Amino acid sequence: MTEKPGIYAIRHIESGKVYVGSASNISKRWSRHRKDLRMGIHKNKHLQSAWTKYSEEAFAFEILELTSELDAREQFWIDSTGCINSDKGYNLCPIARSSRGLKRGPQTEEQRKKKSLYLKGKCGCGIATPVRRGEDAYSAKLTMEKAREIRALYGIHTERGRGRGHENISMQKLAEQFGVTIATIYDVIVQKTWKESTNSTCDVQTNGTLYSTKLTKEQVEEIRDSYGPYVPNRRRRKPGQPSYEGLAKEYGVSSYVISKIIRGGNE
């Protein structure tokens, strides 16, 4: 398949009906047509209906002509094949690379209302489609509980991973475990996404960062007392001193939350 510009046709082998089109890269255009047709979302409903009815094997892709004069030559092939006629082809527009001449049926009242809402939303004076975030997003693979689990498994995020324990899991392994990208895991760990709720029962905060909705002020003090004073750049813990991960499991929060509590004003 060539990547050059030209005119192509998608032909139903048995009936000879064709869909004529043009592209600056024929190979890419055919790949896009085939992908949309296989998914059942092709913009040409007549061609999609025939593809679904007869199957992919009933069609052939043909290069009619290699040329850089796409508009003029596509118009020539539309006229010569008669593909606008529903008995001979699947094209909807009589003019090449244009929607002029395309006949559309009358819109229903519901369709007009939807279009109105959509246009108002685009103009900034209304809402066409509500923005879905977090667990409500259609493509969301994570939940808040999974995000907290990811932070607990990864541990504290430090520059170049310095000071992280051997028991902690890498971002790559977490991405494979939860079925998301490494970039998604990173955003979760640094709380760029899936941030802790702003409604916290703990009224003690560090530089505006809320610790957790699960903790009370008394629990925060218990965590600080258990860990002891925070010493920057300390390589090893003192004997008997609990780890961030241990405290996180004990109190049911992420290691990131524990680190924020312990570091306090030193963060």
Protein backbone atom coordinates (compact mmCIF):
# COMPACT_ATOMS: atom_id res chain seq x y z
CA MET A 1 0.00 0.00 0.00
CA THR A 2 1.42 3.35 -1.05
CA GLU A 3 1.73 6.42 1.14
CA LYS A 4 1.46 8.74 -1.87
CA PRO A 5 -1.52 11.03 -2.58
CA GLY A 6 -4.27 9.83 -4.88
CA ILE A 7 -7.82 8.63 -5.46
CA TYR A 8 -9.08 5.34 -4.04
CA ALA A 9 -12.23 3.22 -4.01
CA ILE A 10 -13.79 0.79 -1.54
CA ARG A 11 -15.67 -1.68 -3.75
CA HIS A 12 -18.29 -4.27 -2.88
CA ILE A 13 -17.02 -7.19 -4.95
CA GLU A 14 -20.34 -8.86 -5.76
CA SER A 15 -22.45 -5.80 -6.64
CA GLY A 16 -19.65 -3.55 -7.89
CA LYS A 17 -20.89 -0.61 -5.79
CA VAL A 18 -18.07 1.74 -4.79
CA TYR A 19 -17.15 4.44 -2.34
CA VAL A 20 -14.75 6.95 -3.90
CA GLY A 21 -12.41 9.14 -1.87
CA SER A 22 -9.10 10.99 -1.97
CA ALA A 23 -6.20 11.28 0.45
CA SER A 24 -2.74 12.80 0.72
CA ASN A 25 -1.62 9.47 2.22
CA ILE A 26 -3.65 6.58 0.81
CA SER A 27 -2.25 3.98 3.21
CA LYS A 28 -3.18 5.96 6.32
CA ARG A 29 -6.63 6.79 4.96
CA TRP A 30 -7.39 3.12 4.26
CA SER A 31 -6.26 2.17 7.76
CA ARG A 32 -8.62 4.80 9.21
CA HIS A 33 -11.54 3.62 7.03
CA ARG A 34 -10.96 0.00 8.01
CA LYS A 35 -10.65 0.81 11.71
CA ASP A 36 -13.89 2.83 11.78
CA LEU A 37 -15.76 0.22 9.75
CA ARG A 38 -14.60 -2.60 12.02
CA MET A 39 -15.69 -0.61 15.07
CA GLY A 40 -19.02 0.24 13.46
CA ILE A 41 -18.52 4.03 13.73
CA HIS A 42 -17.85 5.01 10.13
CA LYS A 43 -19.35 8.40 9.26
CA ASN A 44 -20.82 7.04 6.00
CA LYS A 45 -23.84 5.11 7.27
CA HIS A 46 -24.58 3.47 3.89
CA LEU A 47 -21.08 2.05 3.61
CA GLN A 48 -21.09 1.02 7.27
CA SER A 49 -24.43 -0.74 6.88
CA ALA A 50 -23.19 -2.71 3.86
CA TRP A 51 -19.88 -3.58 5.60
CA THR A 52 -21.74 -4.85 8.65
CA LYS A 53 -24.19 -6.87 6.52
CA TYR A 54 -21.75 -8.49 4.08
CA SER A 55 -18.55 -8.59 6.26
CA GLU A 56 -15.08 -7.27 5.53
CA GLU A 57 -14.22 -10.07 3.10
CA ALA A 58 -16.92 -8.86 0.69
CA PHE A 59 -15.04 -5.58 0.03
CA ALA A 60 -11.84 -4.66 -1.81
CA PHE A 61 -9.73 -1.55 -1.57
CA GLU A 62 -8.50 -0.17 -4.90
CA ILE A 63 -6.19 2.68 -5.91
CA LEU A 64 -7.83 4.41 -8.86
CA GLU A 65 -5.14 6.99 -9.53
CA LEU A 66 -2.00 8.50 -7.99
CA THR A 67 -2.16 12.28 -8.29
CA SER A 68 -1.64 15.49 -6.35
CA GLU A 69 -4.70 17.13 -7.95
CA LEU A 70 -7.02 15.53 -5.43
CA ASP A 71 -10.17 17.67 -5.73
CA ALA A 72 -10.35 17.68 -9.53
CA ARG A 73 -9.56 14.00 -9.98
CA GLU A 74 -11.84 12.86 -7.16
CA GLN A 75 -14.67 14.78 -8.82
CA PHE A 76 -13.85 13.04 -12.10
CA TRP A 77 -14.10 9.60 -10.52
CA ILE A 78 -17.29 10.47 -8.59
CA ASP A 79 -18.92 11.52 -11.86
CA SER A 80 -17.57 8.63 -13.95
CA THR A 81 -18.49 5.88 -11.46
CA GLY A 82 -21.89 7.36 -10.60
CA CYS A 83 -21.26 6.49 -6.95
CA ILE A 84 -23.76 9.13 -5.81
CA ASN A 85 -26.51 6.87 -7.15
CA SER A 86 -27.42 4.46 -4.34
CA ASP A 87 -27.63 1.65 -6.92
CA LYS A 88 -24.03 2.21 -7.98
CA GLY A 89 -22.19 3.50 -4.93
CA TYR A 90 -22.04 4.64 -1.34
CA ASN A 91 -20.97 8.30 -1.64
CA LEU A 92 -23.30 10.86 -0.09
CA CYS A 93 -21.83 14.14 -1.39
CA PRO A 94 -21.95 14.92 -5.13
CA ILE A 95 -19.07 17.41 -4.83
CA ALA A 96 -15.56 16.20 -4.01
CA ARG A 97 -14.24 16.91 -0.48
CA SER A 98 -17.39 18.82 0.42
CA SER A 99 -20.72 18.33 2.21
CA ARG A 100 -22.50 20.59 -0.28
CA GLY A 101 -25.42 18.83 -1.90
CA LEU A 102 -25.75 16.33 0.95
CA LYS A 103 -29.42 15.86 1.76
CA ARG A 104 -30.35 15.69 5.42
CA GLY A 105 -33.74 14.85 6.78
CA PRO A 106 -35.70 17.22 9.07
CA GLN A 107 -34.55 17.36 12.67
CA THR A 108 -36.79 16.23 15.48
CA GLU A 109 -37.56 18.44 18.47
CA GLU A 110 -35.23 16.33 20.63
CA GLN A 111 -32.39 16.68 18.11
CA ARG A 112 -32.84 20.46 18.02
CA LYS A 113 -32.72 20.67 21.82
CA LYS A 114 -29.53 18.59 21.97
CA LYS A 115 -27.91 20.72 19.30
CA SER A 116 -28.92 23.88 21.17
CA LEU A 117 -27.39 22.64 24.42
CA TYR A 118 -24.23 21.62 22.60
CA LEU A 119 -23.80 24.99 20.90
CA LYS A 120 -24.49 26.87 24.14
CA GLY A 121 -21.86 24.82 25.87
CA LYS A 122 -19.33 25.55 23.10
CA CYS A 123 -20.12 29.27 23.40
CA GLY A 124 -19.58 29.24 27.15
CA CYS A 125 -23.16 30.14 28.07
CA GLY A 126 -24.42 26.68 28.92
CA ILE A 127 -23.48 23.08 29.64
CA ALA A 128 -23.52 20.60 26.77
CA THR A 129 -22.06 17.60 28.55
CA PRO A 130 -21.15 17.52 32.26
CA VAL A 131 -17.45 17.06 32.96
CA ARG A 132 -16.87 13.66 34.51
CA ARG A 133 -13.86 13.25 36.76
CA GLY A 134 -12.44 10.58 39.04
CA GLU A 135 -14.51 7.41 39.36
CA ASP A 136 -17.36 8.98 37.34
CA ALA A 137 -15.18 9.30 34.23
CA TYR A 138 -16.13 6.77 31.57
CA SER A 139 -12.52 5.69 31.01
CA ALA A 140 -11.50 5.61 34.69
CA LYS A 141 -9.55 2.48 35.61
CA LEU A 142 -8.78 3.54 39.17
CA THR A 143 -10.74 4.34 42.30
CA MET A 144 -9.76 6.40 45.34
CA GLU A 145 -9.05 3.20 47.27
CA LYS A 146 -6.77 1.93 44.49
CA ALA A 147 -4.98 5.29 44.40
CA ARG A 148 -4.29 5.04 48.12
CA GLU A 149 -3.11 1.47 47.66
CA ILE A 150 -0.70 2.61 44.94
CA ARG A 151 0.77 5.30 47.22
CA ALA A 152 1.12 2.77 50.05
CA LEU A 153 2.87 0.20 47.82
CA TYR A 154 5.20 2.75 46.26
CA GLY A 155 6.14 4.51 49.47
CA ILE A 156 7.55 8.01 49.68
CA HIS A 157 8.30 9.80 46.45
CA THR A 158 11.82 11.20 46.53
CA GLU A 159 14.19 12.62 43.95
CA ARG A 160 15.55 9.71 41.85
CA GLY A 161 14.09 7.24 44.34
CA ARG A 162 16.65 7.96 47.05
CA GLY A 163 15.89 6.50 50.46
CA ARG A 164 13.17 4.12 49.24
CA GLY A 165 13.11 0.64 50.77
CA HIS A 166 13.57 -2.64 48.89
CA GLU A 167 10.04 -3.65 49.83
CA ASN A 168 8.59 -0.79 47.81
CA ILE A 169 7.29 -1.47 44.28
CA SER A 170 8.50 0.46 41.25
CA MET A 171 6.24 2.64 39.12
CA GLN A 172 6.61 0.26 36.18
CA LYS A 173 5.43 -2.76 38.19
CA LEU A 174 2.55 -0.75 39.66
CA ALA A 175 1.51 0.29 36.14
CA GLU A 176 1.45 -3.37 35.07
CA GLN A 177 -0.41 -4.43 38.22
CA PHE A 178 -3.17 -1.82 37.93
CA GLY A 179 -3.38 -1.80 34.12
CA VAL A 180 -2.49 1.88 33.60
CA THR A 181 0.46 3.85 32.27
CA ILE A 182 3.55 4.85 34.24
CA ALA A 183 2.54 8.49 33.79
CA THR A 184 -0.77 7.75 35.52
CA ILE A 185 1.03 6.06 38.41
CA TYR A 186 3.36 9.05 38.80
CA ASP A 187 0.43 11.49 38.86
CA VAL A 188 -1.24 9.40 41.56
CA ILE A 189 1.90 9.21 43.70
CA VAL A 190 2.56 12.95 43.64
CA GLN A 191 -1.19 13.58 44.06
CA LYS A 192 -1.53 15.42 40.78
CA THR A 193 -4.59 13.24 40.32
CA TRP A 194 -6.72 11.35 42.83
CA LYS A 195 -5.97 13.89 45.55
CA GLU A 196 -7.10 13.31 49.12
CA SER A 197 -10.48 14.84 49.92
CA THR A 198 -10.52 18.44 51.15
CA ASN A 199 -13.10 17.54 53.81
CA SER A 200 -10.92 16.29 56.64
CA THR A 201 -11.72 15.55 60.27
CA CYS A 202 -8.16 16.56 61.09
CA ASP A 203 -7.83 20.31 61.68
CA VAL A 204 -4.02 20.20 61.81
CA GLN A 205 -2.38 20.76 58.43
CA THR A 206 1.08 21.17 57.01
CA ASN A 207 1.55 23.87 54.40
CA GLY A 208 -2.08 23.50 53.36
CA THR A 209 -1.84 19.73 52.76
CA LEU A 210 -4.63 17.72 54.36
CA TYR A 211 -3.50 14.48 55.97
CA SER A 212 -6.50 12.23 55.49
CA THR A 213 -10.23 12.02 55.98
CA LYS A 214 -9.58 8.90 58.11
CA LEU A 215 -7.46 10.57 60.82
CA THR A 216 -8.34 12.69 63.81
CA LYS A 217 -6.12 15.22 65.54
CA GLU A 218 -5.36 12.68 68.29
CA GLN A 219 -4.26 10.06 65.74
CA VAL A 220 -1.97 12.58 64.08
CA GLU A 221 -0.26 13.23 67.42
CA GLU A 222 0.02 9.46 68.04
CA ILE A 223 1.78 9.00 64.72
CA ARG A 224 4.28 11.77 65.52
CA ASP A 225 4.94 10.36 68.98
CA SER A 226 5.45 6.83 67.61
CA TYR A 227 7.91 7.92 64.93
CA GLY A 228 9.75 10.54 66.95
CA PRO A 229 11.30 13.79 65.70
CA TYR A 230 11.91 14.10 61.97
CA VAL A 231 15.58 14.46 61.01
CA PRO A 232 16.25 15.53 57.39
CA ASN A 233 18.63 13.38 55.31
CA ARG A 234 18.74 10.59 57.88
CA ARG A 235 19.77 7.39 56.10
CA ARG A 236 18.63 4.83 58.69
CA ARG A 237 15.96 4.65 61.35
CA LYS A 238 16.76 4.24 65.01
CA PRO A 239 16.25 0.77 66.54
CA GLY A 240 12.56 0.26 67.26
CA GLN A 241 11.51 3.27 65.21
CA PRO A 242 8.51 2.41 62.98
CA SER A 243 8.66 2.89 59.23
CA TYR A 244 6.36 5.06 57.15
CA GLU A 245 4.95 1.92 55.56
CA GLY A 246 4.25 0.29 58.93
CA LEU A 247 2.43 3.35 60.23
CA ALA A 248 0.50 3.64 56.96
CA LYS A 249 -0.80 0.06 57.29
CA GLU A 250 -1.61 0.54 60.97
CA TYR A 251 -3.70 3.66 60.42
CA GLY A 252 -5.10 2.71 57.01
CA VAL A 253 -3.64 5.62 55.05
CA SER A 254 -0.94 6.05 52.42
CA SER A 255 2.79 6.42 53.15
CA TYR A 256 2.56 9.86 51.55
CA VAL A 257 0.09 10.97 54.24
CA ILE A 258 2.35 9.58 56.98
CA SER A 259 5.36 11.45 55.57
CA LYS A 260 3.41 14.71 55.55
CA ILE A 261 2.40 14.25 59.17
CA ILE A 262 5.92 13.36 60.38
CA ARG A 263 7.76 16.03 58.39
CA GLY A 264 5.37 18.73 59.53
CA GLY A 265 6.76 22.23 59.04
CA ASN A 266 10.06 20.79 57.70
CA GLU A 267 8.42 19.72 54.40
